[in-house]
C-alpha cells in the first residue's frame, strides 16, 4: 500500500507554559521548519494547568526552580527565575493556550513560531501570562494586528476551541507534554512522549516522512 505525503500529518501537543515544552522548543521549531512543506504540521494545545487552583507558594516555587534548572541543563534553554519570586501568582495555562488557538485561527502558519515567542516571553523574560499584554505583543511581533488578535482571543468560540484541543489530546491518551504524534491516513503512531533532543527524533521522523508504506512507523523515543 503506497503512502501519500498529502495524507501524512505531524501533530505536536504541547502547552506554552509547560517547562519541558520550552526545553523542547528548538527541536519542534526545527522539525516544523524542515517538514512543513512536505507534510501537514498541526499544533494542539494540551492544557497543563487550567483554572484557579494552582497558586505559587514558597514550596512550589522551590520545586519549580530545581525543575527549571534541570531542564536548562539538559536543553540549553535560558530561564529567568524572577516569576518564582511572585508568591501568590496564579499558574493558569489556559490563557496562553487560548492565545495560540487565536493565532491558529487568524494565521495558521504562524502558530508554531508564535508558540515559541510566548514560551520565551514567560520562561526567559518572566512576563506575566495572566495579562493580555504578553499575547498582544507576541502577536504583533508576528505581524498580526493587535486589536484583531484581542477580539479573537476573547471570543467565546476561541475559548471553546481551546477546550476542544484539551479534550482531543486526552482522548488520544496524551497526559504529558511535549508529545509528538504522526498520522498516515487512518494510522497513528507516536514519535515521542516527553522531551527528547533533536538527534533522537530527526532520523526516525525523516524515515517516516520519506517512507512509501504505512507500515513504516517512526520508532517511539521514551
N, C-alpha and C. Protein backbone atom coordinates (compact mmCIF):
# COMPACT_ATOMS: atom_id res chain seq x y z
N UNK A 1 0.85 -1.18 0.00
CA UNK A 1 0.00 0.00 0.00
C UNK A 1 0.89 1.24 0.00
N UNK A 2 0.72 2.10 -0.99
CA UNK A 2 1.56 3.28 -1.13
C UNK A 2 1.09 4.40 -0.23
N UNK A 3 2.05 5.07 0.40
CA UNK A 3 1.74 6.19 1.29
C UNK A 3 1.81 7.49 0.51
N UNK A 4 0.81 8.33 0.71
CA UNK A 4 0.75 9.63 0.04
C UNK A 4 1.13 10.71 1.04
N UNK A 5 2.17 11.53 0.76
CA UNK A 5 2.56 12.59 1.70
C UNK A 5 1.42 13.52 2.07
N UNK A 6 0.44 13.68 1.16
CA UNK A 6 -0.69 14.56 1.44
C UNK A 6 -1.49 14.06 2.64
N UNK A 7 -1.49 12.74 2.84
CA UNK A 7 -2.26 12.15 3.94
C UNK A 7 -1.46 12.05 5.23
N UNK A 8 -0.22 12.53 5.21
CA UNK A 8 0.61 12.45 6.39
C UNK A 8 0.53 13.73 7.21
N UNK A 9 0.58 13.56 8.51
CA UNK A 9 0.45 14.71 9.42
C UNK A 9 1.33 14.48 10.64
N UNK A 10 2.01 15.53 11.05
CA UNK A 10 2.77 15.54 12.30
C UNK A 10 2.01 16.43 13.27
N UNK A 11 1.64 15.89 14.42
CA UNK A 11 0.84 16.62 15.40
C UNK A 11 1.67 16.83 16.66
N UNK A 12 1.91 18.09 16.97
CA UNK A 12 2.63 18.44 18.20
C UNK A 12 1.61 18.85 19.25
N UNK A 13 1.64 18.20 20.38
CA UNK A 13 0.75 18.53 21.50
C UNK A 13 1.62 19.09 22.62
N UNK A 14 1.37 20.34 22.96
CA UNK A 14 2.18 20.99 23.98
C UNK A 14 1.41 22.10 24.65
N UNK A 15 2.04 22.71 25.62
CA UNK A 15 1.46 23.83 26.35
C UNK A 15 2.53 24.91 26.44
N UNK A 16 2.21 26.17 26.09
CA UNK A 16 3.23 27.22 26.11
C UNK A 16 3.87 27.42 27.48
N UNK A 17 3.17 27.01 28.55
CA UNK A 17 3.69 27.21 29.89
C UNK A 17 4.19 25.91 30.52
N UNK A 18 4.35 24.89 29.69
CA UNK A 18 4.97 23.64 30.12
C UNK A 18 6.47 23.81 30.00
N UNK A 19 7.20 23.63 31.09
CA UNK A 19 8.64 23.89 31.07
C UNK A 19 9.41 22.91 30.18
N UNK A 20 8.99 21.65 30.14
CA UNK A 20 9.65 20.71 29.25
C UNK A 20 9.36 21.05 27.79
N UNK A 21 8.17 21.59 27.52
CA UNK A 21 7.86 22.06 26.16
C UNK A 21 8.77 23.21 25.77
N UNK A 22 9.08 24.07 26.73
CA UNK A 22 10.02 25.17 26.46
C UNK A 22 11.40 24.61 26.15
N UNK A 23 11.82 23.61 26.91
CA UNK A 23 13.09 22.96 26.61
C UNK A 23 13.09 22.32 25.23
N UNK A 24 11.95 21.84 24.83
CA UNK A 24 11.78 21.15 23.54
C UNK A 24 11.59 22.13 22.38
N UNK A 25 11.41 23.41 22.69
CA UNK A 25 11.05 24.39 21.67
C UNK A 25 11.99 24.41 20.46
N UNK A 26 13.32 24.46 20.65
CA UNK A 26 14.19 24.47 19.47
C UNK A 26 14.03 23.23 18.60
N UNK A 27 13.70 22.10 19.24
CA UNK A 27 13.54 20.85 18.49
C UNK A 27 12.30 20.90 17.61
N UNK A 28 11.15 21.25 18.20
CA UNK A 28 9.91 21.23 17.41
C UNK A 28 9.91 22.34 16.37
N UNK A 29 10.54 23.48 16.68
CA UNK A 29 10.60 24.55 15.68
C UNK A 29 11.46 24.11 14.50
N UNK A 30 12.54 23.40 14.77
CA UNK A 30 13.38 22.87 13.70
C UNK A 30 12.60 21.87 12.85
N UNK A 31 11.89 20.96 13.50
CA UNK A 31 11.13 19.95 12.76
C UNK A 31 10.01 20.60 11.95
N UNK A 32 9.36 21.60 12.51
CA UNK A 32 8.31 22.30 11.77
C UNK A 32 8.89 22.98 10.53
N UNK A 33 9.97 23.71 10.70
CA UNK A 33 10.57 24.42 9.57
C UNK A 33 11.05 23.45 8.49
N UNK A 34 11.52 22.27 8.92
CA UNK A 34 12.06 21.30 7.97
C UNK A 34 10.97 20.57 7.20
N UNK A 35 9.86 20.26 7.87
CA UNK A 35 8.87 19.36 7.26
C UNK A 35 7.55 20.02 6.87
N UNK A 36 7.34 21.30 7.19
CA UNK A 36 6.04 21.91 6.95
C UNK A 36 5.66 21.99 5.48
N UNK A 37 6.62 21.92 4.59
CA UNK A 37 6.31 21.95 3.16
C UNK A 37 6.17 20.55 2.57
N UNK A 38 6.38 19.53 3.42
CA UNK A 38 6.29 18.14 2.95
C UNK A 38 5.05 17.44 3.47
N UNK A 39 4.72 17.66 4.72
CA UNK A 39 3.54 17.04 5.33
C UNK A 39 2.82 18.11 6.15
N UNK A 40 1.60 17.82 6.52
CA UNK A 40 0.83 18.75 7.34
C UNK A 40 1.40 18.79 8.75
N UNK A 41 1.61 20.01 9.26
CA UNK A 41 2.07 20.20 10.64
C UNK A 41 0.93 20.82 11.44
N UNK A 42 0.55 20.18 12.53
CA UNK A 42 -0.56 20.65 13.35
C UNK A 42 -0.10 20.87 14.78
N UNK A 43 -0.51 21.97 15.37
CA UNK A 43 -0.18 22.28 16.77
C UNK A 43 -1.47 22.22 17.59
N UNK A 44 -1.47 21.38 18.61
CA UNK A 44 -2.62 21.22 19.51
C UNK A 44 -2.16 21.60 20.91
N UNK A 45 -2.97 22.41 21.61
CA UNK A 45 -2.60 22.81 22.97
C UNK A 45 -3.19 21.84 23.98
N UNK A 46 -2.40 21.55 25.03
CA UNK A 46 -2.77 20.48 25.94
C UNK A 46 -3.52 20.88 27.19
N UNK A 47 -3.26 22.08 27.72
CA UNK A 47 -3.92 22.50 28.96
C UNK A 47 -3.28 21.86 30.18
N UNK A 48 -2.04 22.23 30.46
CA UNK A 48 -1.28 21.63 31.56
C UNK A 48 -1.91 21.92 32.92
N UNK A 49 -2.14 23.19 33.23
CA UNK A 49 -2.81 23.59 34.48
C UNK A 49 -3.90 24.59 34.11
N UNK A 50 -5.14 24.19 34.25
CA UNK A 50 -6.26 25.03 33.84
C UNK A 50 -7.13 25.35 35.05
N UNK A 51 -7.35 26.64 35.30
CA UNK A 51 -8.20 27.04 36.40
C UNK A 51 -7.47 27.85 37.44
N UNK A 52 -8.11 28.02 38.59
CA UNK A 52 -7.58 28.91 39.62
C UNK A 52 -7.06 28.17 40.84
N UNK A 53 -6.71 26.89 40.67
CA UNK A 53 -6.30 26.08 41.83
C UNK A 53 -4.80 25.84 41.91
N UNK A 54 -4.03 26.52 41.05
CA UNK A 54 -2.57 26.31 41.08
C UNK A 54 -1.90 27.64 41.42
N UNK A 55 -1.71 27.87 42.71
CA UNK A 55 -1.14 29.12 43.21
C UNK A 55 0.32 28.87 43.62
N UNK A 56 1.19 29.78 43.23
CA UNK A 56 2.60 29.63 43.54
C UNK A 56 2.89 30.06 44.98
N UNK A 57 3.28 29.10 45.80
CA UNK A 57 3.72 29.39 47.16
C UNK A 57 5.21 29.07 47.25
N UNK A 58 5.80 29.21 48.43
CA UNK A 58 7.25 29.01 48.57
C UNK A 58 7.67 27.59 48.20
N UNK A 59 6.89 26.61 48.62
CA UNK A 59 7.23 25.22 48.34
C UNK A 59 7.20 24.95 46.85
N UNK A 60 6.16 25.44 46.17
CA UNK A 60 6.04 25.22 44.74
C UNK A 60 7.12 25.98 43.98
N UNK A 61 7.42 27.19 44.42
CA UNK A 61 8.45 27.98 43.76
C UNK A 61 9.80 27.28 43.82
N UNK A 62 10.11 26.69 44.97
CA UNK A 62 11.37 25.98 45.11
C UNK A 62 11.41 24.74 44.23
N UNK A 63 10.28 24.03 44.18
CA UNK A 63 10.20 22.86 43.30
C UNK A 63 10.42 23.25 41.84
N UNK A 64 9.74 24.32 41.41
CA UNK A 64 9.87 24.76 40.02
C UNK A 64 11.29 25.21 39.70
N UNK A 65 11.92 25.89 40.65
CA UNK A 65 13.29 26.35 40.41
C UNK A 65 14.22 25.17 40.10
N UNK A 66 14.16 24.12 40.90
CA UNK A 66 15.01 22.95 40.66
C UNK A 66 14.64 22.27 39.33
N UNK A 67 13.36 22.23 39.07
CA UNK A 67 12.86 21.62 37.83
C UNK A 67 13.39 22.39 36.62
N UNK A 68 13.28 23.71 36.66
CA UNK A 68 13.74 24.54 35.55
C UNK A 68 15.25 24.46 35.38
N UNK A 69 15.96 24.37 36.48
CA UNK A 69 17.43 24.24 36.39
C UNK A 69 17.81 22.94 35.66
N UNK A 70 17.08 21.87 35.94
CA UNK A 70 17.34 20.60 35.26
C UNK A 70 17.07 20.71 33.76
N UNK A 71 15.96 21.35 33.42
CA UNK A 71 15.59 21.50 32.01
C UNK A 71 16.60 22.38 31.29
N UNK A 72 17.03 23.44 31.93
CA UNK A 72 18.02 24.32 31.33
C UNK A 72 19.32 23.57 31.06
N UNK A 73 19.71 22.73 32.02
CA UNK A 73 20.95 21.97 31.86
C UNK A 73 20.84 20.98 30.71
N UNK A 74 19.69 20.32 30.59
CA UNK A 74 19.52 19.31 29.54
C UNK A 74 19.32 19.92 28.16
N UNK A 75 18.59 21.02 28.10
CA UNK A 75 18.19 21.58 26.80
C UNK A 75 19.04 22.75 26.33
N UNK A 76 19.69 23.44 27.30
CA UNK A 76 20.43 24.64 26.95
C UNK A 76 19.57 25.89 26.86
N UNK A 77 18.28 25.76 27.15
CA UNK A 77 17.39 26.91 27.07
C UNK A 77 17.60 27.84 28.27
N UNK A 78 17.56 29.17 28.05
CA UNK A 78 17.75 30.12 29.16
C UNK A 78 16.46 30.29 29.98
N UNK A 79 16.60 30.36 31.27
CA UNK A 79 15.46 30.56 32.17
C UNK A 79 15.70 31.80 33.04
N UNK A 80 14.63 32.56 33.26
CA UNK A 80 14.62 33.59 34.29
C UNK A 80 13.81 33.04 35.46
N UNK A 81 14.27 33.29 36.68
CA UNK A 81 13.58 32.77 37.86
C UNK A 81 12.79 33.87 38.59
N UNK A 82 12.68 35.02 37.93
CA UNK A 82 12.01 36.16 38.54
C UNK A 82 10.54 35.88 38.84
N UNK A 83 9.88 35.12 37.97
CA UNK A 83 8.46 34.80 38.18
C UNK A 83 8.24 34.06 39.49
N UNK A 84 9.24 33.30 39.92
CA UNK A 84 9.09 32.49 41.12
C UNK A 84 9.14 33.33 42.39
N UNK A 85 9.56 34.59 42.26
CA UNK A 85 9.57 35.49 43.41
C UNK A 85 8.18 36.07 43.68
N UNK A 86 7.28 35.90 42.70
CA UNK A 86 5.94 36.47 42.80
C UNK A 86 5.01 35.46 43.47
N UNK A 87 5.16 35.29 44.78
CA UNK A 87 4.33 34.33 45.51
C UNK A 87 2.87 34.77 45.46
N UNK A 88 2.00 33.80 45.27
CA UNK A 88 0.59 34.09 45.10
C UNK A 88 0.19 34.17 43.63
N UNK A 89 1.18 34.04 42.75
CA UNK A 89 0.90 34.12 41.32
C UNK A 89 0.12 32.89 40.86
N UNK A 90 -0.89 33.13 40.02
CA UNK A 90 -1.75 32.06 39.52
C UNK A 90 -1.11 31.42 38.28
N UNK A 91 -0.86 30.12 38.37
CA UNK A 91 -0.24 29.37 37.27
C UNK A 91 -1.36 28.70 36.47
N UNK A 92 -2.07 29.51 35.69
CA UNK A 92 -3.18 29.04 34.85
C UNK A 92 -2.70 29.08 33.39
N UNK A 93 -2.63 27.93 32.74
CA UNK A 93 -2.08 27.90 31.38
C UNK A 93 -3.15 28.07 30.31
N UNK A 94 -4.41 28.19 30.71
CA UNK A 94 -5.47 28.33 29.70
C UNK A 94 -5.32 29.58 28.83
N UNK A 95 -5.04 30.77 29.41
CA UNK A 95 -4.90 31.95 28.54
C UNK A 95 -3.79 31.81 27.51
N UNK A 96 -2.65 31.26 27.92
CA UNK A 96 -1.55 31.07 26.98
C UNK A 96 -1.95 30.11 25.87
N UNK A 97 -2.61 29.02 26.24
CA UNK A 97 -3.09 28.07 25.24
C UNK A 97 -4.10 28.73 24.30
N UNK A 98 -5.02 29.48 24.88
CA UNK A 98 -6.05 30.14 24.06
C UNK A 98 -5.44 31.14 23.10
N UNK A 99 -4.37 31.79 23.51
CA UNK A 99 -3.72 32.75 22.62
C UNK A 99 -3.15 32.05 21.39
N UNK A 100 -2.64 30.83 21.58
CA UNK A 100 -2.13 30.05 20.45
C UNK A 100 -3.27 29.68 19.51
N UNK A 101 -4.39 29.28 20.08
CA UNK A 101 -5.56 28.94 19.26
C UNK A 101 -6.03 30.16 18.48
N UNK A 102 -6.00 31.33 19.12
CA UNK A 102 -6.42 32.56 18.43
C UNK A 102 -5.53 32.82 17.21
N UNK A 103 -4.23 32.66 17.38
CA UNK A 103 -3.31 32.85 16.24
C UNK A 103 -3.54 31.77 15.19
N UNK A 104 -3.78 30.57 15.64
CA UNK A 104 -4.04 29.46 14.71
C UNK A 104 -5.28 29.74 13.87
N UNK A 105 -6.29 30.40 14.46
CA UNK A 105 -7.49 30.76 13.73
C UNK A 105 -7.24 31.90 12.75
N UNK A 106 -6.41 32.86 13.15
CA UNK A 106 -6.17 34.04 12.32
C UNK A 106 -5.17 33.76 11.20
N UNK A 107 -4.03 33.19 11.57
CA UNK A 107 -2.97 32.93 10.59
C UNK A 107 -2.28 31.62 10.98
N UNK A 108 -2.83 30.50 10.52
CA UNK A 108 -2.37 29.18 10.97
C UNK A 108 -0.88 28.94 10.81
N UNK A 109 -0.28 29.49 9.75
CA UNK A 109 1.13 29.24 9.51
C UNK A 109 2.04 29.89 10.55
N UNK A 110 1.46 30.79 11.37
CA UNK A 110 2.26 31.48 12.38
C UNK A 110 2.10 30.87 13.77
N UNK A 111 1.31 29.81 13.88
CA UNK A 111 1.03 29.23 15.21
C UNK A 111 2.30 28.70 15.87
N UNK A 112 3.13 27.97 15.13
CA UNK A 112 4.34 27.40 15.73
C UNK A 112 5.31 28.48 16.20
N UNK A 113 5.69 29.44 15.35
CA UNK A 113 6.61 30.47 15.84
C UNK A 113 6.01 31.34 16.94
N UNK A 114 4.70 31.61 16.88
CA UNK A 114 4.06 32.38 17.96
C UNK A 114 4.16 31.61 19.28
N UNK A 115 3.91 30.32 19.23
CA UNK A 115 4.02 29.46 20.42
C UNK A 115 5.38 29.65 21.08
N UNK A 116 6.44 29.64 20.28
CA UNK A 116 7.80 29.81 20.82
C UNK A 116 8.00 31.19 21.42
N UNK A 117 7.39 32.21 20.83
CA UNK A 117 7.54 33.57 21.35
C UNK A 117 6.90 33.70 22.72
N UNK A 118 5.73 33.12 22.90
CA UNK A 118 5.06 33.15 24.21
C UNK A 118 5.89 32.38 25.23
N UNK A 119 6.42 31.24 24.83
CA UNK A 119 7.26 30.45 25.74
C UNK A 119 8.45 31.27 26.25
N UNK A 120 9.18 31.88 25.34
CA UNK A 120 10.36 32.65 25.75
C UNK A 120 9.96 33.89 26.54
N UNK A 121 8.80 34.47 26.22
CA UNK A 121 8.32 35.61 26.99
C UNK A 121 8.13 35.28 28.45
N UNK A 122 7.61 34.07 28.71
CA UNK A 122 7.40 33.65 30.10
C UNK A 122 8.68 33.13 30.74
N UNK A 123 9.33 32.18 30.09
CA UNK A 123 10.45 31.50 30.73
C UNK A 123 11.75 32.28 30.71
N UNK A 124 12.02 33.00 29.63
CA UNK A 124 13.28 33.74 29.55
C UNK A 124 13.15 35.17 30.04
N UNK A 125 11.94 35.77 29.87
CA UNK A 125 11.76 37.19 30.18
C UNK A 125 10.83 37.45 31.36
N UNK A 126 10.28 36.38 31.95
CA UNK A 126 9.44 36.48 33.16
C UNK A 126 8.24 37.40 32.96
N UNK A 127 7.62 37.37 31.79
CA UNK A 127 6.44 38.20 31.56
C UNK A 127 5.21 37.55 32.19
N UNK A 128 4.25 38.39 32.56
CA UNK A 128 3.05 37.93 33.26
C UNK A 128 2.06 37.33 32.27
N UNK A 129 1.86 36.03 32.35
CA UNK A 129 0.97 35.34 31.42
C UNK A 129 -0.51 35.47 31.80
N UNK A 130 -0.78 36.15 32.91
CA UNK A 130 -2.17 36.42 33.27
C UNK A 130 -2.64 37.78 32.77
N UNK A 131 -1.77 38.49 32.06
CA UNK A 131 -2.12 39.78 31.46
C UNK A 131 -2.13 39.63 29.95
N UNK A 132 -3.03 40.38 29.30
CA UNK A 132 -3.15 40.27 27.84
C UNK A 132 -1.93 40.79 27.11
N UNK A 133 -1.17 41.66 27.74
CA UNK A 133 -0.07 42.35 27.05
C UNK A 133 0.91 41.40 26.39
N UNK A 134 1.28 40.34 27.10
CA UNK A 134 2.28 39.42 26.56
C UNK A 134 1.81 38.82 25.25
N UNK A 135 0.51 38.54 25.15
CA UNK A 135 -0.03 37.88 23.96
C UNK A 135 -0.19 38.86 22.80
N UNK A 136 -0.63 40.07 23.12
CA UNK A 136 -0.75 41.09 22.08
C UNK A 136 0.61 41.41 21.49
N UNK A 137 1.58 41.58 22.37
CA UNK A 137 2.94 41.90 21.93
C UNK A 137 3.50 40.78 21.05
N UNK A 138 3.28 39.53 21.46
CA UNK A 138 3.77 38.40 20.69
C UNK A 138 3.08 38.32 19.33
N UNK A 139 1.78 38.56 19.31
CA UNK A 139 1.04 38.53 18.04
C UNK A 139 1.55 39.60 17.10
N UNK A 140 1.77 40.79 17.62
CA UNK A 140 2.26 41.89 16.79
C UNK A 140 3.67 41.61 16.27
N UNK A 141 4.47 40.92 17.06
CA UNK A 141 5.81 40.54 16.60
C UNK A 141 5.75 39.67 15.35
N UNK A 142 4.64 38.96 15.21
CA UNK A 142 4.48 38.08 14.05
C UNK A 142 3.55 38.68 13.00
N UNK A 143 3.38 40.00 13.06
CA UNK A 143 2.65 40.70 12.01
C UNK A 143 1.14 40.60 12.08
N UNK A 144 0.62 40.25 13.25
CA UNK A 144 -0.83 40.14 13.44
C UNK A 144 -1.34 41.39 14.14
N UNK A 145 -2.39 41.97 13.63
CA UNK A 145 -2.96 43.19 14.21
C UNK A 145 -3.39 42.91 15.65
N UNK A 146 -2.96 43.77 16.58
CA UNK A 146 -3.23 43.56 18.00
C UNK A 146 -4.71 43.58 18.34
N UNK A 147 -5.45 44.49 17.75
CA UNK A 147 -6.88 44.59 18.04
C UNK A 147 -7.63 43.37 17.51
N UNK A 148 -7.26 42.94 16.32
CA UNK A 148 -7.90 41.75 15.75
C UNK A 148 -7.57 40.52 16.58
N UNK A 149 -6.32 40.45 17.04
CA UNK A 149 -5.93 39.32 17.89
C UNK A 149 -6.76 39.32 19.17
N UNK A 150 -6.85 40.47 19.85
CA UNK A 150 -7.58 40.54 21.12
C UNK A 150 -9.04 40.13 20.95
N UNK A 151 -9.66 40.57 19.87
CA UNK A 151 -11.05 40.20 19.62
C UNK A 151 -11.19 38.69 19.50
N UNK A 152 -10.27 38.07 18.78
CA UNK A 152 -10.32 36.62 18.61
C UNK A 152 -9.96 35.90 19.90
N UNK A 153 -8.99 36.43 20.62
CA UNK A 153 -8.54 35.85 21.88
C UNK A 153 -9.67 35.76 22.89
N UNK A 154 -10.51 36.79 22.95
CA UNK A 154 -11.60 36.83 23.94
C UNK A 154 -12.92 36.28 23.40
N UNK A 155 -12.94 35.87 22.16
CA UNK A 155 -14.17 35.35 21.57
C UNK A 155 -14.53 34.00 22.19
N UNK A 156 -15.80 33.80 22.45
CA UNK A 156 -16.26 32.57 23.09
C UNK A 156 -15.94 31.34 22.24
N UNK A 157 -15.99 31.50 20.92
CA UNK A 157 -15.68 30.37 20.04
C UNK A 157 -14.24 29.93 20.19
N UNK A 158 -13.35 30.88 20.43
CA UNK A 158 -11.93 30.54 20.64
C UNK A 158 -11.75 29.79 21.95
N UNK A 159 -12.48 30.21 22.97
CA UNK A 159 -12.41 29.50 24.25
C UNK A 159 -12.89 28.06 24.09
N UNK A 160 -13.97 27.88 23.34
CA UNK A 160 -14.50 26.54 23.13
C UNK A 160 -13.52 25.68 22.34
N UNK A 161 -12.90 26.27 21.33
CA UNK A 161 -11.93 25.53 20.53
C UNK A 161 -10.71 25.13 21.36
N UNK A 162 -10.33 25.99 22.28
CA UNK A 162 -9.20 25.67 23.16
C UNK A 162 -9.52 24.44 24.01
N UNK A 163 -10.70 24.38 24.57
CA UNK A 163 -11.07 23.22 25.38
C UNK A 163 -11.29 21.98 24.51
N UNK A 164 -11.65 22.18 23.26
CA UNK A 164 -11.72 21.05 22.34
C UNK A 164 -10.34 20.44 22.13
N UNK A 165 -9.32 21.31 22.05
CA UNK A 165 -7.95 20.81 21.97
C UNK A 165 -7.61 19.98 23.20
N UNK A 166 -7.92 20.53 24.38
CA UNK A 166 -7.62 19.81 25.63
C UNK A 166 -8.27 18.42 25.60
N UNK A 167 -9.54 18.40 25.23
CA UNK A 167 -10.29 17.14 25.25
C UNK A 167 -9.77 16.17 24.20
N UNK A 168 -9.41 16.69 23.03
CA UNK A 168 -8.90 15.81 21.97
C UNK A 168 -7.60 15.15 22.39
N UNK A 169 -6.70 15.93 22.97
CA UNK A 169 -5.41 15.36 23.36
C UNK A 169 -5.61 14.27 24.40
N UNK A 170 -6.53 14.47 25.32
CA UNK A 170 -6.79 13.44 26.32
C UNK A 170 -7.45 12.22 25.70
N UNK A 171 -8.29 12.44 24.70
CA UNK A 171 -8.93 11.32 24.02
C UNK A 171 -7.91 10.46 23.27
N UNK A 172 -6.77 11.07 22.93
CA UNK A 172 -5.70 10.33 22.26
C UNK A 172 -4.75 9.68 23.26
N UNK A 173 -5.09 9.80 24.54
CA UNK A 173 -4.28 9.19 25.58
C UNK A 173 -3.07 10.00 26.00
N UNK A 174 -3.06 11.27 25.60
CA UNK A 174 -1.92 12.13 25.93
C UNK A 174 -2.17 12.81 27.27
N UNK A 175 -1.30 12.58 28.22
CA UNK A 175 -1.43 13.19 29.54
C UNK A 175 -0.19 13.98 29.95
N UNK A 176 0.83 13.98 29.11
CA UNK A 176 2.05 14.72 29.40
C UNK A 176 2.56 15.39 28.15
N UNK A 177 3.37 16.42 28.36
CA UNK A 177 3.85 17.23 27.24
C UNK A 177 5.36 17.46 27.40
N UNK A 178 6.05 17.59 26.27
CA UNK A 178 5.57 17.59 24.89
C UNK A 178 5.33 16.17 24.38
N UNK A 179 4.38 16.05 23.45
CA UNK A 179 4.11 14.79 22.77
C UNK A 179 4.06 15.08 21.27
N UNK A 180 4.63 14.21 20.48
CA UNK A 180 4.54 14.32 19.02
C UNK A 180 3.95 13.03 18.48
N UNK A 181 2.82 13.16 17.79
CA UNK A 181 2.17 12.04 17.12
C UNK A 181 2.31 12.20 15.62
N UNK A 182 2.26 11.09 14.90
CA UNK A 182 2.27 11.14 13.45
C UNK A 182 1.07 10.34 12.93
N UNK A 183 0.51 10.82 11.83
CA UNK A 183 -0.65 10.17 11.22
C UNK A 183 -0.38 9.93 9.75
N UNK A 184 -0.67 8.74 9.30
CA UNK A 184 -0.60 8.40 7.87
C UNK A 184 -1.95 7.81 7.50
N UNK A 185 -2.80 8.62 6.89
CA UNK A 185 -4.17 8.19 6.63
C UNK A 185 -4.92 8.00 7.93
N UNK A 186 -5.36 6.79 8.20
CA UNK A 186 -6.09 6.49 9.43
C UNK A 186 -5.17 5.91 10.51
N UNK A 187 -3.90 5.76 10.19
CA UNK A 187 -2.96 5.12 11.11
C UNK A 187 -2.20 6.17 11.93
N UNK A 188 -2.18 5.97 13.25
CA UNK A 188 -1.48 6.87 14.16
C UNK A 188 -0.32 6.15 14.82
N UNK A 189 0.73 6.91 15.09
CA UNK A 189 1.87 6.39 15.85
C UNK A 189 2.45 7.54 16.66
N UNK A 190 3.24 7.20 17.66
CA UNK A 190 3.88 8.22 18.50
C UNK A 190 5.35 8.34 18.12
N UNK A 191 5.81 9.57 17.95
CA UNK A 191 7.23 9.82 17.77
C UNK A 191 7.91 9.96 19.12
N UNK A 192 7.29 10.72 20.02
CA UNK A 192 7.85 10.85 21.37
C UNK A 192 6.77 11.24 22.37
N UNK A 193 6.89 10.68 23.56
CA UNK A 193 6.16 11.14 24.73
C UNK A 193 7.20 11.76 25.65
N UNK A 194 7.25 13.08 25.71
CA UNK A 194 8.21 13.74 26.57
C UNK A 194 9.36 14.33 25.80
N UNK A 195 10.20 15.07 26.52
CA UNK A 195 11.34 15.76 25.92
C UNK A 195 12.35 14.78 25.34
N UNK A 196 12.83 15.09 24.15
CA UNK A 196 13.94 14.38 23.55
C UNK A 196 14.77 15.39 22.76
N UNK A 197 16.08 15.21 22.70
CA UNK A 197 16.90 16.09 21.87
C UNK A 197 16.66 15.80 20.39
N UNK A 198 17.03 16.76 19.56
CA UNK A 198 16.78 16.66 18.12
C UNK A 198 17.37 15.38 17.53
N UNK A 199 18.58 15.02 17.94
CA UNK A 199 19.25 13.88 17.33
C UNK A 199 18.52 12.56 17.57
N UNK A 200 17.68 12.51 18.61
CA UNK A 200 16.93 11.29 18.89
C UNK A 200 15.69 11.16 18.00
N UNK A 201 15.24 12.27 17.43
CA UNK A 201 13.98 12.27 16.69
C UNK A 201 14.14 12.47 15.19
N UNK A 202 15.17 13.18 14.80
CA UNK A 202 15.29 13.59 13.40
C UNK A 202 15.37 12.40 12.45
N UNK A 203 16.16 11.39 12.81
CA UNK A 203 16.31 10.23 11.94
C UNK A 203 15.01 9.45 11.76
N UNK A 204 14.37 9.03 12.88
CA UNK A 204 13.10 8.30 12.74
C UNK A 204 12.03 9.09 11.99
N UNK A 205 11.94 10.39 12.25
CA UNK A 205 10.91 11.18 11.59
C UNK A 205 11.22 11.34 10.11
N UNK A 206 12.49 11.57 9.78
CA UNK A 206 12.88 11.68 8.38
C UNK A 206 12.54 10.40 7.63
N UNK A 207 12.81 9.27 8.25
CA UNK A 207 12.49 7.99 7.63
C UNK A 207 11.00 7.83 7.39
N UNK A 208 10.20 8.26 8.36
CA UNK A 208 8.74 8.15 8.23
C UNK A 208 8.22 9.07 7.13
N UNK A 209 8.72 10.29 7.06
CA UNK A 209 8.29 11.23 6.03
C UNK A 209 8.58 10.68 4.64
N UNK A 210 9.75 10.04 4.49
CA UNK A 210 10.16 9.54 3.17
C UNK A 210 9.60 8.16 2.86
N UNK A 211 9.05 7.46 3.86
CA UNK A 211 8.62 6.07 3.68
C UNK A 211 7.48 5.97 2.68
N UNK A 212 7.42 4.84 1.99
CA UNK A 212 6.38 4.64 1.00
C UNK A 212 5.28 3.71 1.47
N UNK A 213 5.33 3.30 2.74
CA UNK A 213 4.33 2.37 3.24
C UNK A 213 3.86 2.80 4.61
N UNK A 214 2.58 2.61 4.87
CA UNK A 214 2.04 2.99 6.17
C UNK A 214 2.59 2.11 7.28
N UNK A 215 3.21 0.99 6.93
CA UNK A 215 3.79 0.12 7.97
C UNK A 215 5.10 0.69 8.49
N UNK A 216 5.65 1.67 7.79
CA UNK A 216 6.93 2.27 8.20
C UNK A 216 6.67 3.36 9.22
N UNK A 217 6.57 3.01 10.47
CA UNK A 217 6.29 3.96 11.53
C UNK A 217 7.59 4.36 12.20
N UNK A 218 7.67 5.59 12.71
CA UNK A 218 8.87 6.00 13.43
C UNK A 218 8.98 5.30 14.76
N UNK A 219 10.19 5.06 15.18
CA UNK A 219 10.40 4.47 16.50
C UNK A 219 10.03 5.49 17.56
N UNK A 220 9.38 5.03 18.62
CA UNK A 220 8.99 5.91 19.72
C UNK A 220 10.21 6.15 20.60
N UNK A 221 10.51 7.43 20.86
CA UNK A 221 11.60 7.77 21.76
C UNK A 221 11.03 8.03 23.15
N UNK A 222 11.47 7.30 24.13
CA UNK A 222 10.96 7.49 25.50
C UNK A 222 12.06 7.99 26.41
